[in-house]
Amino acid sequence: MFSLAINDNQTIRMFFYSLLGLFLSHGY
């Protein structure tokens, strides 16, 4: 499933949104 997911731009954007959320959560 990974090769399909990594070629999806929307999935990549969600990945970075998740990363940002985790960064802010740990920062708080």
PDB file of all heavy atoms in Angstrom:
ATOM      1  N   MET A   1       0.818  -1.215   0.000  1.00  0.00           N
ATOM      2  CA  MET A   1       0.000   0.000   0.000  1.00  0.00           C
ATOM      3  C   MET A   1       0.849   1.260   0.000  1.00  0.00           C
ATOM      4  O   MET A   1       0.384   2.334  -0.365  1.00  0.00           O
ATOM      5  CB  MET A   1      -0.921   0.019   1.233  1.00  0.00           C
ATOM      6  CG  MET A   1      -1.886  -1.142   1.336  1.00  0.00           C
ATOM      7  SD  MET A   1      -3.136  -1.092   0.041  1.00  0.00           S
ATOM      8  CE  MET A   1      -4.010   0.411   0.500  1.00  0.00           C
ATOM      9  N   PHE A   2       2.106   1.140   0.412  1.00  0.00           N
ATOM     10  CA  PHE A   2       2.934   2.329   0.590  1.00  0.00           C
ATOM     11  C   PHE A   2       3.197   3.049  -0.724  1.00  0.00           C
ATOM     12  O   PHE A   2       3.144   4.277  -0.783  1.00  0.00           O
ATOM     13  CB  PHE A   2       4.263   1.945   1.246  1.00  0.00           C
ATOM     14  CG  PHE A   2       5.165   3.122   1.506  1.00  0.00           C
ATOM     15  CD1 PHE A   2       4.884   4.004   2.537  1.00  0.00           C
ATOM     16  CD2 PHE A   2       6.278   3.352   0.721  1.00  0.00           C
ATOM     17  CE1 PHE A   2       5.702   5.093   2.783  1.00  0.00           C
ATOM     18  CE2 PHE A   2       7.110   4.432   0.954  1.00  0.00           C
ATOM     19  CZ  PHE A   2       6.816   5.306   1.993  1.00  0.00           C
ATOM     20  N   SER A   3       3.494   2.303  -1.775  1.00  0.00           N
ATOM     21  CA  SER A   3       3.799   2.922  -3.071  1.00  0.00           C
ATOM     22  C   SER A   3       2.608   3.698  -3.616  1.00  0.00           C
ATOM     23  O   SER A   3       2.770   4.708  -4.303  1.00  0.00           O
ATOM     24  CB  SER A   3       4.239   1.864  -4.079  1.00  0.00           C
ATOM     25  OG  SER A   3       3.221   0.891  -4.252  1.00  0.00           O
ATOM     26  N   LEU A   4       1.396   3.239  -3.296  1.00  0.00           N
ATOM     27  CA  LEU A   4       0.191   3.956  -3.740  1.00  0.00           C
ATOM     28  C   LEU A   4       0.017   5.246  -2.947  1.00  0.00           C
ATOM     29  O   LEU A   4      -0.304   6.296  -3.499  1.00  0.00           O
ATOM     30  CB  LEU A   4      -1.040   3.064  -3.572  1.00  0.00           C
ATOM     31  CG  LEU A   4      -1.074   1.776  -4.400  1.00  0.00           C
ATOM     32  CD1 LEU A   4      -2.309   0.949  -4.033  1.00  0.00           C
ATOM     33  CD2 LEU A   4      -1.080   2.103  -5.889  1.00  0.00           C
ATOM     34  N   ALA A   5       0.259   5.161  -1.633  1.00  0.00           N
ATOM     35  CA  ALA A   5       0.050   6.322  -0.765  1.00  0.00           C
ATOM     36  C   ALA A   5       1.046   7.432  -1.051  1.00  0.00           C
ATOM     37  O   ALA A   5       0.703   8.616  -1.055  1.00  0.00           O
ATOM     38  CB  ALA A   5       0.126   5.896   0.697  1.00  0.00           C
ATOM     39  N   ILE A   6       2.305   7.053  -1.293  1.00  0.00           N
ATOM     40  CA  ILE A   6       3.351   8.072  -1.428  1.00  0.00           C
ATOM     41  C   ILE A   6       3.208   8.858  -2.731  1.00  0.00           C
ATOM     42  O   ILE A   6       3.792   9.935  -2.887  1.00  0.00           O
ATOM     43  CB  ILE A   6       4.745   7.415  -1.338  1.00  0.00           C
ATOM     44  CG1 ILE A   6       5.796   8.452  -0.957  1.00  0.00           C
ATOM     45  CG2 ILE A   6       5.117   6.731  -2.653  1.00  0.00           C
ATOM     46  CD1 ILE A   6       7.129   7.873  -0.589  1.00  0.00           C
ATOM     47  N   ASN A   7       2.440   8.357  -3.679  1.00  0.00           N
ATOM     48  CA  ASN A   7       2.218   9.063  -4.938  1.00  0.00           C
ATOM     49  C   ASN A   7       0.959   9.931  -4.916  1.00  0.00           C
ATOM     50  O   ASN A   7       0.607  10.533  -5.932  1.00  0.00           O
ATOM     51  CB  ASN A   7       2.120   8.054  -6.098  1.00  0.00           C
ATOM     52  CG  ASN A   7       3.451   7.391  -6.384  1.00  0.00           C
ATOM     53  OD1 ASN A   7       4.482   8.052  -6.427  1.00  0.00           O
ATOM     54  ND2 ASN A   7       3.437   6.084  -6.574  1.00  0.00           N
ATOM     55  N   ASP A   8       0.304   9.980  -3.779  1.00  0.00           N
ATOM     56  CA  ASP A   8      -0.920  10.762  -3.631  1.00  0.00           C
ATOM     57  C   ASP A   8      -0.581  12.081  -2.926  1.00  0.00           C
ATOM     58  O   ASP A   8      -0.200  12.096  -1.759  1.00  0.00           O
ATOM     59  CB  ASP A   8      -1.941   9.964  -2.810  1.00  0.00           C
ATOM     60  CG  ASP A   8      -3.267  10.692  -2.670  1.00  0.00           C
ATOM     61  OD1 ASP A   8      -3.453  11.726  -3.348  1.00  0.00           O
ATOM     62  OD2 ASP A   8      -4.107  10.232  -1.875  1.00  0.00           O
ATOM     63  N   ASN A   9      -0.725  13.204  -3.642  1.00  0.00           N
ATOM     64  CA  ASN A   9      -0.368  14.513  -3.076  1.00  0.00           C
ATOM     65  C   ASN A   9      -1.194  14.855  -1.844  1.00  0.00           C
ATOM     66  O   ASN A   9      -0.699  15.472  -0.898  1.00  0.00           O
ATOM     67  CB  ASN A   9      -0.550  15.607  -4.134  1.00  0.00           C
ATOM     68  CG  ASN A   9       0.484  15.506  -5.233  1.00  0.00           C
ATOM     69  OD1 ASN A   9       1.586  15.000  -5.021  1.00  0.00           O
ATOM     70  ND2 ASN A   9       0.142  15.974  -6.418  1.00  0.00           N
ATOM     71  N   GLN A  10      -2.460  14.474  -1.849  1.00  0.00           N
ATOM     72  CA  GLN A  10      -3.327  14.771  -0.711  1.00  0.00           C
ATOM     73  C   GLN A  10      -2.853  14.022   0.539  1.00  0.00           C
ATOM     74  O   GLN A  10      -2.878  14.553   1.654  1.00  0.00           O
ATOM     75  CB  GLN A  10      -4.774  14.396  -1.040  1.00  0.00           C
ATOM     76  CG  GLN A  10      -5.796  15.028  -0.116  1.00  0.00           C
ATOM     77  CD  GLN A  10      -7.213  14.834  -0.612  1.00  0.00           C
ATOM     78  OE1 GLN A  10      -7.519  13.844  -1.264  1.00  0.00           O
ATOM     79  NE2 GLN A  10      -8.088  15.778  -0.312  1.00  0.00           N
ATOM     80  N   THR A  11      -2.400  12.800   0.345  1.00  0.00           N
ATOM     81  CA  THR A  11      -1.883  12.010   1.453  1.00  0.00           C
ATOM     82  C   THR A  11      -0.613  12.633   2.015  1.00  0.00           C
ATOM     83  O   THR A  11      -0.425  12.701   3.235  1.00  0.00           O
ATOM     84  CB  THR A  11      -1.587  10.568   0.995  1.00  0.00           C
ATOM     85  OG1 THR A  11      -2.802   9.961   0.544  1.00  0.00           O
ATOM     86  CG2 THR A  11      -1.011   9.745   2.128  1.00  0.00           C
ATOM     87  N   ILE A  12       0.247  13.106   1.130  1.00  0.00           N
ATOM     88  CA  ILE A  12       1.490  13.757   1.569  1.00  0.00           C
ATOM     89  C   ILE A  12       1.183  15.021   2.371  1.00  0.00           C
ATOM     90  O   ILE A  12       1.812  15.291   3.402  1.00  0.00           O
ATOM     91  CB  ILE A  12       2.377  14.101   0.361  1.00  0.00           C
ATOM     92  CG1 ILE A  12       2.802  12.828  -0.389  1.00  0.00           C
ATOM     93  CG2 ILE A  12       3.602  14.888   0.797  1.00  0.00           C
ATOM     94  CD1 ILE A  12       3.630  11.882   0.436  1.00  0.00           C
ATOM     95  N   ARG A  13       0.198  15.800   1.913  1.00  0.00           N
ATOM     96  CA  ARG A  13      -0.183  17.013   2.654  1.00  0.00           C
ATOM     97  C   ARG A  13      -0.706  16.653   4.036  1.00  0.00           C
ATOM     98  O   ARG A  13      -0.374  17.322   5.025  1.00  0.00           O
ATOM     99  CB  ARG A  13      -1.235  17.804   1.879  1.00  0.00           C
ATOM    100  CG  ARG A  13      -0.690  18.576   0.692  1.00  0.00           C
ATOM    101  CD  ARG A  13      -1.667  19.635   0.234  1.00  0.00           C
ATOM    102  NE  ARG A  13      -2.922  19.051  -0.222  1.00  0.00           N
ATOM    103  CZ  ARG A  13      -3.165  18.673  -1.472  1.00  0.00           C
ATOM    104  NH1 ARG A  13      -2.226  18.826  -2.393  1.00  0.00           N
ATOM    105  NH2 ARG A  13      -4.324  18.151  -1.802  1.00  0.00           N
ATOM    106  N   MET A  14      -1.528  15.613   4.127  1.00  0.00           N
ATOM    107  CA  MET A  14      -2.045  15.178   5.417  1.00  0.00           C
ATOM    108  C   MET A  14      -0.916  14.737   6.340  1.00  0.00           C
ATOM    109  O   MET A  14      -0.960  14.962   7.553  1.00  0.00           O
ATOM    110  CB  MET A  14      -3.033  14.028   5.225  1.00  0.00           C
ATOM    111  CG  MET A  14      -4.429  14.454   4.813  1.00  0.00           C
ATOM    112  SD  MET A  14      -5.296  15.309   6.165  1.00  0.00           S
ATOM    113  CE  MET A  14      -5.466  13.980   7.344  1.00  0.00           C
ATOM    114  N   PHE A  15       0.098  14.134   5.763  1.00  0.00           N
ATOM    115  CA  PHE A  15       1.249  13.688   6.544  1.00  0.00           C
ATOM    116  C   PHE A  15       1.920  14.879   7.219  1.00  0.00           C
ATOM    117  O   PHE A  15       2.223  14.843   8.422  1.00  0.00           O
ATOM    118  CB  PHE A  15       2.237  12.957   5.635  1.00  0.00           C
ATOM    119  CG  PHE A  15       3.451  12.417   6.346  1.00  0.00           C
ATOM    120  CD1 PHE A  15       3.436  11.149   6.902  1.00  0.00           C
ATOM    121  CD2 PHE A  15       4.608  13.181   6.469  1.00  0.00           C
ATOM    122  CE1 PHE A  15       4.552  10.639   7.552  1.00  0.00           C
ATOM    123  CE2 PHE A  15       5.725  12.683   7.122  1.00  0.00           C
ATOM    124  CZ  PHE A  15       5.694  11.410   7.661  1.00  0.00           C
ATOM    125  N   PHE A  16       2.139  15.947   6.469  1.00  0.00           N
ATOM    126  CA  PHE A  16       2.805  17.118   7.027  1.00  0.00           C
ATOM    127  C   PHE A  16       1.896  17.884   7.990  1.00  0.00           C
ATOM    128  O   PHE A  16       2.377  18.471   8.966  1.00  0.00           O
ATOM    129  CB  PHE A  16       3.316  18.024   5.913  1.00  0.00           C
ATOM    130  CG  PHE A  16       4.546  17.497   5.230  1.00  0.00           C
ATOM    131  CD1 PHE A  16       4.480  16.944   3.968  1.00  0.00           C
ATOM    132  CD2 PHE A  16       5.771  17.515   5.885  1.00  0.00           C
ATOM    133  CE1 PHE A  16       5.620  16.441   3.350  1.00  0.00           C
ATOM    134  CE2 PHE A  16       6.916  17.014   5.284  1.00  0.00           C
ATOM    135  CZ  PHE A  16       6.840  16.472   4.011  1.00  0.00           C
ATOM    136  N   TYR A  17       0.589  17.875   7.759  1.00  0.00           N
ATOM    137  CA  TYR A  17      -0.341  18.467   8.721  1.00  0.00           C
ATOM    138  C   TYR A  17      -0.264  17.702  10.051  1.00  0.00           C
ATOM    139  O   TYR A  17      -0.282  18.305  11.129  1.00  0.00           O
ATOM    140  CB  TYR A  17      -1.771  18.434   8.194  1.00  0.00           C
ATOM    141  CG  TYR A  17      -2.028  19.343   7.017  1.00  0.00           C
ATOM    142  CD1 TYR A  17      -3.023  19.046   6.077  1.00  0.00           C
ATOM    143  CD2 TYR A  17      -1.283  20.505   6.825  1.00  0.00           C
ATOM    144  CE1 TYR A  17      -3.255  19.886   4.998  1.00  0.00           C
ATOM    145  CE2 TYR A  17      -1.512  21.341   5.751  1.00  0.00           C
ATOM    146  CZ  TYR A  17      -2.503  21.021   4.831  1.00  0.00           C
ATOM    147  OH  TYR A  17      -2.733  21.852   3.760  1.00  0.00           O
ATOM    148  N   SER A  18      -0.201  16.376   9.956  1.00  0.00           N
ATOM    149  CA  SER A  18      -0.087  15.552  11.159  1.00  0.00           C
ATOM    150  C   SER A  18       1.210  15.853  11.896  1.00  0.00           C
ATOM    151  O   SER A  18       1.236  15.975  13.129  1.00  0.00           O
ATOM    152  CB  SER A  18      -0.126  14.068  10.790  1.00  0.00           C
ATOM    153  OG  SER A  18      -1.338  13.729  10.177  1.00  0.00           O
ATOM    154  N   LEU A  19       2.272  15.984  11.126  1.00  0.00           N
ATOM    155  CA  LEU A  19       3.576  16.275  11.718  1.00  0.00           C
ATOM    156  C   LEU A  19       3.569  17.624  12.431  1.00  0.00           C
ATOM    157  O   LEU A  19       4.095  17.768  13.539  1.00  0.00           O
ATOM    158  CB  LEU A  19       4.641  16.263  10.625  1.00  0.00           C
ATOM    159  CG  LEU A  19       6.090  16.022  11.043  1.00  0.00           C
ATOM    160  CD1 LEU A  19       6.219  14.707  11.800  1.00  0.00           C
ATOM    161  CD2 LEU A  19       6.994  16.026   9.822  1.00  0.00           C
ATOM    162  N   LEU A  20       2.939  18.610  11.802  1.00  0.00           N
ATOM    163  CA  LEU A  20       2.832  19.931  12.419  1.00  0.00           C
ATOM    164  C   LEU A  20       2.017  19.862  13.710  1.00  0.00           C
ATOM    165  O   LEU A  20       2.382  20.480  14.724  1.00  0.00           O
ATOM    166  CB  LEU A  20       2.190  20.917  11.440  1.00  0.00           C
ATOM    167  CG  LEU A  20       1.945  22.334  11.963  1.00  0.00           C
ATOM    168  CD1 LEU A  20       3.263  22.991  12.354  1.00  0.00           C
ATOM    169  CD2 LEU A  20       1.211  23.178  10.916  1.00  0.00           C
ATOM    170  N   GLY A  21       0.915  19.122  13.687  1.00  0.00           N
ATOM    171  CA  GLY A  21       0.090  18.974  14.884  1.00  0.00           C
ATOM    172  C   GLY A  21       0.859  18.338  16.029  1.00  0.00           C
ATOM    173  O   GLY A  21       0.766  18.782  17.184  1.00  0.00           O
ATOM    174  N   LEU A  22       1.643  17.316  15.738  1.00  0.00           N
ATOM    175  CA  LEU A  22       2.446  16.654  16.770  1.00  0.00           C
ATOM    176  C   LEU A  22       3.526  17.585  17.308  1.00  0.00           C
ATOM    177  O   LEU A  22       3.799  17.609  18.509  1.00  0.00           O
ATOM    178  CB  LEU A  22       3.081  15.385  16.196  1.00  0.00           C
ATOM    179  CG  LEU A  22       2.100  14.257  15.852  1.00  0.00           C
ATOM    180  CD1 LEU A  22       2.795  13.167  15.047  1.00  0.00           C
ATOM    181  CD2 LEU A  22       1.486  13.670  17.122  1.00  0.00           C
ATOM    182  N   PHE A  23       4.131  18.365  16.422  1.00  0.00           N
ATOM    183  CA  PHE A  23       5.165  19.319  16.844  1.00  0.00           C
ATOM    184  C   PHE A  23       4.578  20.357  17.797  1.00  0.00           C
ATOM    185  O   PHE A  23       5.178  20.678  18.826  1.00  0.00           O
ATOM    186  CB  PHE A  23       5.762  20.007  15.622  1.00  0.00           C
ATOM    187  CG  PHE A  23       6.900  20.933  15.938  1.00  0.00           C
ATOM    188  CD1 PHE A  23       8.191  20.442  16.073  1.00  0.00           C
ATOM    189  CD2 PHE A  23       6.690  22.293  16.109  1.00  0.00           C
ATOM    190  CE1 PHE A  23       9.252  21.300  16.379  1.00  0.00           C
ATOM    191  CE2 PHE A  23       7.736  23.153  16.413  1.00  0.00           C
ATOM    192  CZ  PHE A  23       9.022  22.648  16.549  1.00  0.00           C
ATOM    193  N   LEU A  24       3.403  20.878  17.464  1.00  0.00           N
ATOM    194  CA  LEU A  24       2.760  21.888  18.312  1.00  0.00           C
ATOM    195  C   LEU A  24       2.299  21.288  19.632  1.00  0.00           C
ATOM    196  O   LEU A  24       2.396  21.929  20.682  1.00  0.00           O
ATOM    197  CB  LEU A  24       1.583  22.513  17.569  1.00  0.00           C
ATOM    198  CG  LEU A  24       1.940  23.333  16.316  1.00  0.00           C
ATOM    199  CD1 LEU A  24       0.682  23.811  15.605  1.00  0.00           C
ATOM    200  CD2 LEU A  24       2.820  24.518  16.683  1.00  0.00           C
ATOM    201  N   SER A  25       1.800  20.054  19.597  1.00  0.00           N
ATOM    202  CA  SER A  25       1.336  19.392  20.815  1.00  0.00           C
ATOM    203  C   SER A  25       2.492  19.190  21.797  1.00  0.00           C
ATOM    204  O   SER A  25       2.381  19.509  22.983  1.00  0.00           O
ATOM    205  CB  SER A  25       0.705  18.042  20.462  1.00  0.00           C
ATOM    206  OG  SER A  25       0.385  17.309  21.629  1.00  0.00           O
ATOM    207  N   HIS A  26       3.596  18.673  21.310  1.00  0.00           N
ATOM    208  CA  HIS A  26       4.765  18.476  22.182  1.00  0.00           C
ATOM    209  C   HIS A  26       5.343  19.818  22.629  1.00  0.00           C
ATOM    210  O   HIS A  26       5.845  19.935  23.754  1.00  0.00           O
ATOM    211  CB  HIS A  26       5.826  17.658  21.451  1.00  0.00           C
ATOM    212  CG  HIS A  26       5.501  16.197  21.352  1.00  0.00           C
ATOM    213  ND1 HIS A  26       5.558  15.339  22.426  1.00  0.00           N
ATOM    214  CD2 HIS A  26       5.091  15.445  20.294  1.00  0.00           C
ATOM    215  CE1 HIS A  26       5.212  14.127  22.046  1.00  0.00           C
ATOM    216  NE2 HIS A  26       4.925  14.155  20.754  1.00  0.00           N
ATOM    217  N   GLY A  27       5.265  20.817  21.762  1.00  0.00           N
ATOM    218  CA  GLY A  27       5.741  22.138  22.131  1.00  0.00           C
ATOM    219  C   GLY A  27       4.924  22.751  23.245  1.00  0.00           C
ATOM    220  O   GLY A  27       5.477  23.361  24.176  1.00  0.00           O
ATOM    221  N   TYR A  28       3.601  22.581  23.166  1.00  0.00           N
ATOM    222  CA  TYR A  28       2.739  23.113  24.232  1.00  0.00           C
ATOM    223  C   TYR A  28       3.020  22.404  25.552  1.00  0.00           C
ATOM    224  O   TYR A  28       3.105  23.048  26.606  1.00  0.00           O
ATOM    225  CB  TYR A  28       1.266  22.943  23.858  1.00  0.00           C
ATOM    226  CG  TYR A  28       0.340  23.443  24.947  1.00  0.00           C
ATOM    227  CD1 TYR A  28      -0.020  24.785  25.007  1.00  0.00           C
ATOM    228  CD2 TYR A  28      -0.131  22.582  25.950  1.00  0.00           C
ATOM    229  CE1 TYR A  28      -0.842  25.254  26.034  1.00  0.00           C
ATOM    230  CE2 TYR A  28      -0.932  23.045  26.968  1.00  0.00           C
ATOM    231  CZ  TYR A  28      -1.290  24.384  27.003  1.00  0.00           C
ATOM    232  OH  TYR A  28      -2.085  24.848  28.018  1.00  0.00           O
TER     233      TYR A  28
END
